[in-house]
Amino acid sequence: MNVDWEPSEPPWPAIAVAACGTAAEALALRAERDPSWTVTRFADWIVVAGEELPWADGAVYLARLPGTAHVLVPVHRRPQLHPELVERATRAYRGSARAAALIPGAGGVTVLPLREP
């Protein structure tokens, strides 16, 4: 999925944090210490949702995209598409997952289906 993004100011409240690579390893270690967090693991990514999120260098903090029920985006960025279009577009990627996190990158957007937002 290729989407243009713009800043969201002020940043939205974080409800999850995502990381890949060494940041994912650090986040996974922290997540093991708190059973109240919901953890979703992928081959290259980890997403932790819950209250009082852990800090991890290189992680992306996620918020619910206003106007959607099940789409998380970085707290400082939003897609330049109507939220309803974003919600519909992510349904195909979510499958049976309740929500999806969209993380912009140089190669497009990473879509991570999530059990809980």
C-alpha atoms as a PDB file:
ATOM      1  CA  MET A   1       0.000   0.000   0.000  1.00  0.00           C
ATOM      2  CA  ASN A   2       1.489   3.387  -0.973  1.00  0.00           C
ATOM      3  CA  VAL A   3       0.099   6.357   0.947  1.00  0.00           C
ATOM      4  CA  ASP A   4       1.230   9.961   1.455  1.00  0.00           C
ATOM      5  CA  TRP A   5       1.460  11.040   5.092  1.00  0.00           C
ATOM      6  CA  GLU A   6       1.326  14.413   6.855  1.00  0.00           C
ATOM      7  CA  PRO A   7       2.129  15.560  10.393  1.00  0.00           C
ATOM      8  CA  SER A   8      -0.601  15.364  13.017  1.00  0.00           C
ATOM      9  CA  GLU A   9      -0.283  18.180  15.507  1.00  0.00           C
ATOM     10  CA  PRO A  10      -0.733  17.921  18.343  1.00  0.00           C
ATOM     11  CA  PRO A  11       0.202  14.244  18.545  1.00  0.00           C
ATOM     12  CA  TRP A  12      -2.586  11.856  19.508  1.00  0.00           C
ATOM     13  CA  PRO A  13      -2.454   9.809  22.738  1.00  0.00           C
ATOM     14  CA  ALA A  14      -0.498   6.571  22.306  1.00  0.00           C
ATOM     15  CA  ILE A  15      -2.357   3.312  22.944  1.00  0.00           C
ATOM     16  CA  ALA A  16       0.271   0.963  21.496  1.00  0.00           C
ATOM     17  CA  VAL A  17       3.932   0.831  20.532  1.00  0.00           C
ATOM     18  CA  ALA A  18       5.504  -1.085  17.620  1.00  0.00           C
ATOM     19  CA  ALA A  19       9.113  -1.933  16.864  1.00  0.00           C
ATOM     20  CA  CYS A  20      11.225  -4.034  14.524  1.00  0.00           C
ATOM     21  CA  GLY A  21      14.832  -5.223  14.584  1.00  0.00           C
ATOM     22  CA  THR A  22      16.851  -4.586  17.746  1.00  0.00           C
ATOM     23  CA  ALA A  23      14.157  -2.217  19.034  1.00  0.00           C
ATOM     24  CA  ALA A  24      11.688  -5.130  18.843  1.00  0.00           C
ATOM     25  CA  GLU A  25      14.011  -7.285  20.918  1.00  0.00           C
ATOM     26  CA  ALA A  26      14.255  -4.602  23.611  1.00  0.00           C
ATOM     27  CA  LEU A  27      10.498  -4.064  23.553  1.00  0.00           C
ATOM     28  CA  ALA A  28       9.844  -7.809  23.842  1.00  0.00           C
ATOM     29  CA  LEU A  29      12.033  -8.015  26.953  1.00  0.00           C
ATOM     30  CA  ARG A  30      10.123  -5.167  28.572  1.00  0.00           C
ATOM     31  CA  ALA A  31       6.761  -6.634  27.572  1.00  0.00           C
ATOM     32  CA  GLU A  32       7.559  -9.939  29.285  1.00  0.00           C
ATOM     33  CA  ARG A  33       7.646  -8.073  32.614  1.00  0.00           C
ATOM     34  CA  ASP A  34       4.056  -6.770  32.464  1.00  0.00           C
ATOM     35  CA  PRO A  35       1.224  -9.244  31.862  1.00  0.00           C
ATOM     36  CA  SER A  36      -1.291  -6.382  31.528  1.00  0.00           C
ATOM     37  CA  TRP A  37       0.016  -5.513  28.059  1.00  0.00           C
ATOM     38  CA  THR A  38      -1.375  -7.172  24.941  1.00  0.00           C
ATOM     39  CA  VAL A  39       1.534  -8.366  22.794  1.00  0.00           C
ATOM     40  CA  THR A  40       1.274  -9.255  19.114  1.00  0.00           C
ATOM     41  CA  ARG A  41       4.398 -10.714  17.507  1.00  0.00           C
ATOM     42  CA  PHE A  42       5.263 -10.895  13.830  1.00  0.00           C
ATOM     43  CA  ALA A  43       8.355 -12.201  12.034  1.00  0.00           C
ATOM     44  CA  ASP A  44       9.994  -8.750  12.062  1.00  0.00           C
ATOM     45  CA  TRP A  45       7.723  -6.686  14.338  1.00  0.00           C
ATOM     46  CA  ILE A  46       6.253  -6.628  17.819  1.00  0.00           C
ATOM     47  CA  VAL A  47       3.289  -4.507  18.929  1.00  0.00           C
ATOM     48  CA  VAL A  48       2.514  -3.859  22.594  1.00  0.00           C
ATOM     49  CA  ALA A  49      -0.835  -2.308  23.576  1.00  0.00           C
ATOM     50  CA  GLY A  50      -1.993  -1.157  26.964  1.00  0.00           C
ATOM     51  CA  GLU A  51      -1.633   1.439  29.672  1.00  0.00           C
ATOM     52  CA  GLU A  52       1.691   3.097  30.543  1.00  0.00           C
ATOM     53  CA  LEU A  53       3.552   1.865  27.482  1.00  0.00           C
ATOM     54  CA  PRO A  54       7.235   0.999  27.757  1.00  0.00           C
ATOM     55  CA  TRP A  55       9.927   3.163  26.182  1.00  0.00           C
ATOM     56  CA  ALA A  56      12.086   1.602  23.464  1.00  0.00           C
ATOM     57  CA  ASP A  57      14.543   3.534  21.312  1.00  0.00           C
ATOM     58  CA  GLY A  58      13.542   3.265  17.666  1.00  0.00           C
ATOM     59  CA  ALA A  59       9.944   2.264  18.446  1.00  0.00           C
ATOM     60  CA  VAL A  60       6.862   3.796  16.810  1.00  0.00           C
ATOM     61  CA  TYR A  61       4.123   4.931  19.179  1.00  0.00           C
ATOM     62  CA  LEU A  62       0.638   4.377  17.796  1.00  0.00           C
ATOM     63  CA  ALA A  63      -2.736   6.067  18.263  1.00  0.00           C
ATOM     64  CA  ARG A  64      -6.192   5.357  16.927  1.00  0.00           C
ATOM     65  CA  LEU A  65      -6.724   7.291  13.681  1.00  0.00           C
ATOM     66  CA  PRO A  66      -9.582   9.721  14.392  1.00  0.00           C
ATOM     67  CA  GLY A  67     -12.670   8.773  12.415  1.00  0.00           C
ATOM     68  CA  THR A  68     -11.838   5.054  12.495  1.00  0.00           C
ATOM     69  CA  ALA A  69     -12.649   2.279  14.916  1.00  0.00           C
ATOM     70  CA  HIS A  70      -9.854  -0.154  14.120  1.00  0.00           C
ATOM     71  CA  VAL A  71      -6.863   1.641  12.574  1.00  0.00           C
ATOM     72  CA  LEU A  72      -3.723   2.632  14.475  1.00  0.00           C
ATOM     73  CA  VAL A  73      -1.172   5.061  13.016  1.00  0.00           C
ATOM     74  CA  PRO A  74       1.924   6.818  14.405  1.00  0.00           C
ATOM     75  CA  VAL A  75       0.982   9.479  16.968  1.00  0.00           C
ATOM     76  CA  HIS A  76       2.728  12.214  14.921  1.00  0.00           C
ATOM     77  CA  ARG A  77       1.523  11.257  11.416  1.00  0.00           C
ATOM     78  CA  ARG A  78      -1.691  10.638   9.551  1.00  0.00           C
ATOM     79  CA  PRO A  79      -2.422   9.353   6.056  1.00  0.00           C
ATOM     80  CA  GLN A  80      -3.619  11.910   3.512  1.00  0.00           C
ATOM     81  CA  LEU A  81      -6.767   9.887   2.881  1.00  0.00           C
ATOM     82  CA  HIS A  82     -10.242  10.120   4.346  1.00  0.00           C
ATOM     83  CA  PRO A  83     -10.370   7.919   7.481  1.00  0.00           C
ATOM     84  CA  GLU A  84     -13.268   5.885   6.058  1.00  0.00           C
ATOM     85  CA  LEU A  85     -11.158   4.941   3.017  1.00  0.00           C
ATOM     86  CA  VAL A  86      -8.261   3.949   5.283  1.00  0.00           C
ATOM     87  CA  GLU A  87     -10.590   1.820   7.416  1.00  0.00           C
ATOM     88  CA  ARG A  88     -12.021   0.049   4.359  1.00  0.00           C
ATOM     89  CA  ALA A  89      -8.595  -0.494   2.804  1.00  0.00           C
ATOM     90  CA  THR A  90      -7.222  -2.145   5.931  1.00  0.00           C
ATOM     91  CA  ARG A  91     -10.120  -4.603   6.273  1.00  0.00           C
ATOM     92  CA  ALA A  92      -8.618  -6.866   3.605  1.00  0.00           C
ATOM     93  CA  TYR A  93      -5.310  -6.974   5.483  1.00  0.00           C
ATOM     94  CA  ARG A  94      -6.851  -7.528   8.911  1.00  0.00           C
ATOM     95  CA  GLY A  95      -8.525 -10.825   8.140  1.00  0.00           C
ATOM     96  CA  SER A  96     -10.002 -12.008  11.448  1.00  0.00           C
ATOM     97  CA  ALA A  97      -7.921  -9.500  13.433  1.00  0.00           C
ATOM     98  CA  ARG A  98      -9.825  -6.802  15.267  1.00  0.00           C
ATOM     99  CA  ALA A  99      -7.553  -3.916  14.229  1.00  0.00           C
ATOM    100  CA  ALA A 100      -4.531  -3.013  12.124  1.00  0.00           C
ATOM    101  CA  ALA A 101      -1.520  -0.797  12.664  1.00  0.00           C
ATOM    102  CA  LEU A 102      -0.250   1.172   9.661  1.00  0.00           C
ATOM    103  CA  ILE A 103       3.416   2.105   9.828  1.00  0.00           C
ATOM    104  CA  PRO A 104       4.818   4.284   7.036  1.00  0.00           C
ATOM    105  CA  GLY A 105       8.291   3.522   5.734  1.00  0.00           C
ATOM    106  CA  ALA A 106      10.548   4.121   2.753  1.00  0.00           C
ATOM    107  CA  GLY A 107       9.113   1.120   0.898  1.00  0.00           C
ATOM    108  CA  GLY A 108       5.441   1.930   1.498  1.00  0.00           C
ATOM    109  CA  VAL A 109       3.236   1.089   4.458  1.00  0.00           C
ATOM    110  CA  THR A 110       3.602  -1.904   6.743  1.00  0.00           C
ATOM    111  CA  VAL A 111       0.195  -3.276   7.759  1.00  0.00           C
ATOM    112  CA  LEU A 112       0.145  -5.262  10.993  1.00  0.00           C
ATOM    113  CA  PRO A 113      -3.131  -7.067  11.869  1.00  0.00           C
ATOM    114  CA  LEU A 114      -3.743  -6.858  15.625  1.00  0.00           C
ATOM    115  CA  ARG A 115      -5.855  -8.843  18.060  1.00  0.00           C
ATOM    116  CA  GLU A 116      -6.455  -5.848  20.333  1.00  0.00           C
ATOM    117  CA  PRO A 117      -5.809  -2.136  19.719  1.00  0.00           C
END
